[in-house]
Every structure is written in structure tokens, then in C-alpha cells.
C-alpha atoms as a PDB file:
ATOM      1  CA  MET A   1       0.000   0.000   0.000  1.00  0.00           C
ATOM      2  CA  THR A   2       1.314   3.440  -0.880  1.00  0.00           C
ATOM      3  CA  PHE A   3       2.698   5.232   2.158  1.00  0.00           C
ATOM      4  CA  ARG A   4       1.149   8.571   1.197  1.00  0.00           C
ATOM      5  CA  LEU A   5      -2.370   7.067   1.353  1.00  0.00           C
ATOM      6  CA  GLN A   6      -2.011   5.131   4.593  1.00  0.00           C
ATOM      7  CA  ASP A   7      -3.387   7.922   6.783  1.00  0.00           C
ATOM      8  CA  ALA A   8      -6.355   8.317   4.438  1.00  0.00           C
ATOM      9  CA  PHE A   9      -7.171   4.607   4.774  1.00  0.00           C
ATOM     10  CA  VAL A  10      -7.033   4.910   8.572  1.00  0.00           C
ATOM     11  CA  LYS A  11      -9.335   7.963   8.437  1.00  0.00           C
ATOM     12  CA  CYS A  12     -11.816   5.958   6.359  1.00  0.00           C
ATOM     13  CA  HIS A  13     -12.226   3.622   9.316  1.00  0.00           C
ATOM     14  CA  SER A  14     -13.524   6.505  11.451  1.00  0.00           C
ATOM     15  CA  LEU A  15     -16.546   6.968   9.162  1.00  0.00           C
ATOM     16  CA  ALA A  16     -19.937   5.363   9.826  1.00  0.00           C
ATOM     17  CA  GLU A  17     -20.315   1.750   8.627  1.00  0.00           C
ATOM     18  CA  PRO A  18     -21.660   1.936   5.068  1.00  0.00           C
ATOM     19  CA  ALA A  19     -19.574   5.011   4.246  1.00  0.00           C
ATOM     20  CA  CYS A  20     -16.468   3.413   5.733  1.00  0.00           C
ATOM     21  CA  LYS A  21     -16.426   0.486   3.326  1.00  0.00           C
ATOM     22  CA  SER A  22     -17.308   2.659   0.344  1.00  0.00           C
ATOM     23  CA  ALA A  23     -14.525   5.094   1.201  1.00  0.00           C
ATOM     24  CA  VAL A  24     -11.957   2.300   1.553  1.00  0.00           C
ATOM     25  CA  PHE A  25     -12.858   0.794  -1.827  1.00  0.00           C
ATOM     26  CA  LEU A  26     -12.983   4.197  -3.521  1.00  0.00           C
ATOM     27  CA  LEU A  27      -9.593   5.085  -2.064  1.00  0.00           C
ATOM     28  CA  CYS A  28      -8.217   1.842  -3.492  1.00  0.00           C
ATOM     29  CA  SER A  29      -9.079   3.099  -6.971  1.00  0.00           C
ATOM     30  CA  ILE A  30      -6.488   5.875  -6.728  1.00  0.00           C
ATOM     31  CA  LEU A  31      -3.663   3.511  -5.859  1.00  0.00           C
ATOM     32  CA  PRO A  32      -1.005   3.123  -8.558  1.00  0.00           C
ATOM     33  CA  THR A  33      -2.039   0.443 -11.044  1.00  0.00           C
ATOM     34  CA  HIS A  34       0.539  -2.129  -9.953  1.00  0.00           C
ATOM     35  CA  HIS A  35      -0.298  -1.607  -6.283  1.00  0.00           C
ATOM     36  CA  LEU A  36      -4.001  -1.954  -7.016  1.00  0.00           C
ATOM     37  CA  SER A  37      -3.497  -5.163  -8.995  1.00  0.00           C
ATOM     38  CA  ALA A  38      -1.282  -6.684  -6.318  1.00  0.00           C
ATOM     39  CA  LEU A  39      -3.668  -5.638  -3.532  1.00  0.00           C
ATOM     40  CA  ARG A  40      -6.665  -7.114  -5.324  1.00  0.00           C
ATOM     41  CA  PHE A  41      -4.845 -10.370  -6.083  1.00  0.00           C
ATOM     42  CA  LEU A  42      -3.602 -10.814  -2.514  1.00  0.00           C
ATOM     43  CA  MET A  43      -6.871  -9.845  -0.837  1.00  0.00           C
ATOM     44  CA  THR A  44      -8.793 -12.190  -3.150  1.00  0.00           C
ATOM     45  CA  PHE A  45      -6.444 -15.004  -2.172  1.00  0.00           C
ATOM     46  CA  PHE A  46      -6.805 -14.235   1.544  1.00  0.00           C
ATOM     47  CA  GLY A  47     -10.569 -13.930   1.091  1.00  0.00           C
ATOM     48  CA  ARG A  48     -10.559 -17.509  -0.199  1.00  0.00           C
ATOM     49  CA  VAL A  49      -8.490 -18.585   2.788  1.00  0.00           C
ATOM     50  CA  ALA A  50     -11.010 -16.881   5.097  1.00  0.00           C
ATOM     51  CA  GLU A  51     -13.877 -18.739   3.399  1.00  0.00           C
ATOM     52  CA  ARG A  52     -12.343 -21.956   4.737  1.00  0.00           C
ATOM     53  CA  ALA A  53     -12.086 -20.641   8.306  1.00  0.00           C
ATOM     54  CA  ALA A  54     -13.984 -23.656   9.637  1.00  0.00           C
ATOM     55  CA  HIS A  55     -11.058 -25.829   8.510  1.00  0.00           C
ATOM     56  CA  ASN A  56      -8.059 -23.543   9.015  1.00  0.00           C
ATOM     57  CA  LYS A  57      -9.185 -21.268  11.905  1.00  0.00           C
ATOM     58  CA  MET A  58      -8.133 -18.199   9.899  1.00  0.00           C
ATOM     59  CA  ASP A  59     -11.111 -15.928   9.446  1.00  0.00           C
ATOM     60  CA  ALA A  60     -10.797 -12.429   7.958  1.00  0.00           C
ATOM     61  CA  LEU A  61      -9.992 -10.853  11.330  1.00  0.00           C
ATOM     62  CA  ASN A  62      -7.225 -13.350  12.143  1.00  0.00           C
ATOM     63  CA  LEU A  63      -5.737 -12.868   8.685  1.00  0.00           C
ATOM     64  CA  ALA A  64      -5.970  -9.086   9.056  1.00  0.00           C
ATOM     65  CA  VAL A  65      -4.101  -9.210  12.369  1.00  0.00           C
ATOM     66  CA  CYS A  66      -1.300 -11.178  10.705  1.00  0.00           C
ATOM     67  CA  LEU A  67      -1.193  -9.137   7.491  1.00  0.00           C
ATOM     68  CA  THR A  68      -1.588  -5.569   8.760  1.00  0.00           C
ATOM     69  CA  PRO A  69       2.105  -4.987   9.573  1.00  0.00           C
ATOM     70  CA  ASN A  70       2.930  -6.125   6.032  1.00  0.00           C
ATOM     71  CA  VAL A  71       0.275  -4.040   4.286  1.00  0.00           C
ATOM     72  CA  PHE A  72       0.710  -0.879   6.340  1.00  0.00           C
ATOM     73  CA  ARG A  73       3.996   0.637   7.368  1.00  0.00           C
ATOM     74  CA  VAL A  74       4.186   0.373  11.139  1.00  0.00           C
ATOM     75  CA  ASP A  75       6.381   2.933  12.881  1.00  0.00           C
ATOM     76  CA  GLY A  76       7.738   1.407  16.074  1.00  0.00           C
ATOM     77  CA  SER A  77       9.896   4.408  17.044  1.00  0.00           C
ATOM     78  CA  SER A  78       7.731   5.394  20.011  1.00  0.00           C
ATOM     79  CA  ALA A  79       6.851   1.889  21.205  1.00  0.00           C
ATOM     80  CA  GLY A  80       6.169   1.765  24.915  1.00  0.00           C
ATOM     81  CA  ARG A  81       6.055   5.531  25.558  1.00  0.00           C
ATOM     82  CA  GLY A  82       2.758   6.169  27.353  1.00  0.00           C
ATOM     83  CA  SER A  83       0.191   8.031  25.298  1.00  0.00           C
ATOM     84  CA  ASP A  84       2.148   7.448  22.073  1.00  0.00           C
ATOM     85  CA  ALA A  85       1.702   3.710  22.596  1.00  0.00           C
ATOM     86  CA  LEU A  86      -2.060   4.214  23.033  1.00  0.00           C
ATOM     87  CA  ILE A  87      -2.264   6.226  19.823  1.00  0.00           C
ATOM     88  CA  GLU A  88      -0.251   3.595  17.957  1.00  0.00           C
ATOM     89  CA  ASN A  89      -2.514   0.869  19.347  1.00  0.00           C
ATOM     90  CA  LYS A  90      -5.627   2.692  18.076  1.00  0.00           C
ATOM     91  CA  THR A  91      -3.950   3.255  14.709  1.00  0.00           C
ATOM     92  CA  LEU A  92      -3.024  -0.427  14.496  1.00  0.00           C
ATOM     93  CA  GLN A  93      -6.616  -1.391  15.324  1.00  0.00           C
ATOM     94  CA  SER A  94      -7.903   0.910  12.565  1.00  0.00           C
ATOM     95  CA  GLN A  95      -5.363  -0.475  10.099  1.00  0.00           C
ATOM     96  CA  THR A  96      -6.381  -4.011  11.021  1.00  0.00           C
ATOM     97  CA  ALA A  97     -10.042  -3.138  10.470  1.00  0.00           C
ATOM     98  CA  VAL A  98      -9.205  -1.697   7.026  1.00  0.00           C
ATOM     99  CA  VAL A  99      -7.330  -4.864   6.047  1.00  0.00           C
ATOM    100  CA  GLN A 100     -10.297  -6.929   7.258  1.00  0.00           C
ATOM    101  CA  ILE A 101     -12.617  -4.823   5.069  1.00  0.00           C
ATOM    102  CA  LEU A 102     -10.297  -5.404   2.107  1.00  0.00           C
ATOM    103  CA  ILE A 103     -10.218  -9.167   2.696  1.00  0.00           C
ATOM    104  CA  GLU A 104     -13.989  -9.462   3.120  1.00  0.00           C
ATOM    105  CA  GLY A 105     -14.720  -7.268   0.107  1.00  0.00           C
ATOM    106  CA  SER A 106     -11.849  -8.258  -2.145  1.00  0.00           C
ATOM    107  CA  GLY A 107     -14.153  -8.374  -5.159  1.00  0.00           C
ATOM    108  CA  MET A 108     -14.873  -4.662  -4.756  1.00  0.00           C
ATOM    109  CA  ILE A 109     -11.234  -3.534  -4.836  1.00  0.00           C
ATOM    110  CA  GLY A 110     -10.785  -1.333  -7.884  1.00  0.00           C
ATOM    111  CA  MET A 111     -14.503  -1.218  -8.670  1.00  0.00           C
ATOM    112  CA  ILE A 112     -16.521   1.968  -8.607  1.00  0.00           C
ATOM    113  CA  SER A 113     -20.186   2.538  -7.874  1.00  0.00           C
ATOM    114  CA  GLU A 114     -22.731   2.885 -10.674  1.00  0.00           C
ATOM    115  CA  GLU A 115     -23.358   6.518  -9.677  1.00  0.00           C
ATOM    116  CA  LEU A 116     -19.670   7.394 -10.005  1.00  0.00           C
ATOM    117  CA  ALA A 117     -19.394   5.454 -13.269  1.00  0.00           C
ATOM    118  CA  GLU A 118     -22.330   7.428 -14.649  1.00  0.00           C
ATOM    119  CA  ASP A 119     -20.655  10.685 -13.595  1.00  0.00           C
ATOM    120  CA  VAL A 120     -17.496   9.610 -15.423  1.00  0.00           C
ATOM    121  CA  ARG A 121     -19.490   8.624 -18.534  1.00  0.00           C
ATOM    122  CA  THR A 122     -21.167  12.021 -18.669  1.00  0.00           C
ATOM    123  CA  SER A 123     -18.058  14.062 -17.867  1.00  0.00           C
ATOM    124  CA  SER A 124     -16.718  16.347 -20.551  1.00  0.00           C
ATOM    125  CA  CYS A 125     -13.382  14.545 -20.870  1.00  0.00           C
ATOM    126  CA  LEU A 126     -14.973  11.412 -22.388  1.00  0.00           C
ATOM    127  CA  SER A 127     -15.327  11.051 -26.118  1.00  0.00           C
ATOM    128  CA  ASP A 128     -18.357   9.213 -27.559  1.00  0.00           C
ATOM    129  CA  SER A 129     -16.362   6.015 -28.203  1.00  0.00           C
ATOM    130  CA  ASP A 130     -14.989   6.079 -24.641  1.00  0.00           C
ATOM    131  CA  ALA A 131     -18.504   6.469 -23.253  1.00  0.00           C
ATOM    132  CA  GLU A 132     -19.618   3.436 -25.273  1.00  0.00           C
ATOM    133  CA  ASN A 133     -16.693   1.379 -23.955  1.00  0.00           C
ATOM    134  CA  ALA A 134     -17.573   2.405 -20.395  1.00  0.00           C
ATOM    135  CA  GLY A 135     -20.863   0.538 -20.760  1.00  0.00           C
ATOM    136  CA  ASP A 136     -19.235  -2.920 -21.139  1.00  0.00           C
ATOM    137  CA  THR A 137     -20.633  -5.740 -19.056  1.00  0.00           C
ATOM    138  CA  GLU A 138     -18.897  -6.829 -15.842  1.00  0.00           C
ATOM    139  CA  LYS A 139     -17.567  -9.977 -17.518  1.00  0.00           C
ATOM    140  CA  GLU A 140     -16.077  -7.933 -20.361  1.00  0.00           C
ATOM    141  CA  LYS A 141     -14.534  -5.493 -17.881  1.00  0.00           C
ATOM    142  CA  ARG A 142     -12.841  -8.357 -16.042  1.00  0.00           C
ATOM    143  CA  ARG A 143     -11.687  -9.918 -19.285  1.00  0.00           C
ATOM    144  CA  ASN A 144     -10.293  -6.605 -20.546  1.00  0.00           C
ATOM    145  CA  GLY A 145      -8.505  -5.759 -17.307  1.00  0.00           C
ATOM    146  CA  LEU A 146      -9.379  -3.752 -14.264  1.00  0.00           C
ATOM    147  CA  PHE A 147      -9.766  -0.297 -15.821  1.00  0.00           C
ATOM    148  CA  HIS A 148      -8.973  -1.002 -19.472  1.00  0.00           C
ATOM    149  CA  ASN A 149     -11.098   1.281 -21.710  1.00  0.00           C
ATOM    150  CA  LEU A 150     -13.115   2.422 -18.711  1.00  0.00           C
ATOM    151  CA  PHE A 151     -11.361   5.683 -17.964  1.00  0.00           C
ATOM    152  CA  PRO A 152      -9.649   7.920 -20.507  1.00  0.00           C
ATOM    153  CA  PHE A 153      -7.753   9.606 -17.687  1.00  0.00           C
ATOM    154  CA  SER A 154      -5.239   8.555 -15.087  1.00  0.00           C
ATOM    155  CA  PRO A 155      -6.945   8.037 -11.691  1.00  0.00           C
ATOM    156  CA  THR A 156      -3.950   9.568  -9.915  1.00  0.00           C
ATOM    157  CA  SER A 157      -3.550  12.675 -12.049  1.00  0.00           C
ATOM    158  CA  GLY A 158      -7.163  13.423 -12.977  1.00  0.00           C
ATOM    159  CA  VAL A 159      -5.981  14.548 -16.420  1.00  0.00           C
ATOM    160  CA  CYS A 160      -7.850  13.453 -19.516  1.00  0.00           C
ATOM    161  CA  ARG A 161      -5.994  11.435 -22.153  1.00  0.00           C
ATOM    162  CA  ARG A 162      -7.263  11.630 -25.713  1.00  0.00           C
END
């Protein structure tokens, strides 16, 4: 996960329940492409592991506890110093909750809501052919790649490409 977005992911956890998950998945969409692909692949794999929790005792929460230090950068410089340790503990709990959300909703990583997709289709930076490609079915979108032909702009720069 990109270091510059880690605080934003933690702040997403402070939102109310339905908005929290939506914010986490929307924030994933602005990750660099390679990070997004790797995150989706790994969280899908760990989601499958969690589905077999009855056999392996590793549900999404247990996996999140194990994976959080690897997904988020953990700063241990103030470990054991009173209130700093309490703040770090709360941050670690929020990070763990975000990783659990990502594991449980791995199929939503990189996806956008229909409302946002409609806003993108009607935005002025889309040409007619791009708008037609944005209407592909879910199966075609998966076959073509995560964002292939969906957006004519870079999610990180917000600049239209023609």
C-alpha cells in the first residue's frame, strides 16, 4: 500500500459503517495500477483462505491481524512511551479493520459505484467512443482488465488522455 495514502485509509475507518467500506474501496481506486493489482490479487487469495475458516481457523480478522504490519507501514519508534503507545494501538486497530474490510470485500477492490461510473461517462473529458466502452458488461470489464477502456484519464492525475 502506498505510504502517502495510509493515513487516508485509517481515516476511512472513522466513518460510519456503510460510508467506511465505500470510502476504503474508492480510495483503493487511486492507488497506482501495480499496487491496485497486487492488492486485489492478494486480498482475493486471503478472502478464499477466510472462506475456509472452519477448517483452518483463519477468518478475515485473524488474517488481518497477521497481514496488517505487512500491508501498512508500522512505525515502532515510540513503542512503549505512554500516550504514544495508546495512539499507535488505536492506529493499528484501525489499520487491522481496514485490512479486514479489504479481505472481506476483495471483489470490490478497484470497482466503482454505478453513480460514479455514470458521472465519469457524462463528464466532458470522455469522447463518444470512450462512453460506449464504459458501458461494457462486468464480464467484459474483467476480461479486458481492471480499468482497461473504462477511464480515458489517469486516476492519480485526474488529467484526460485523448
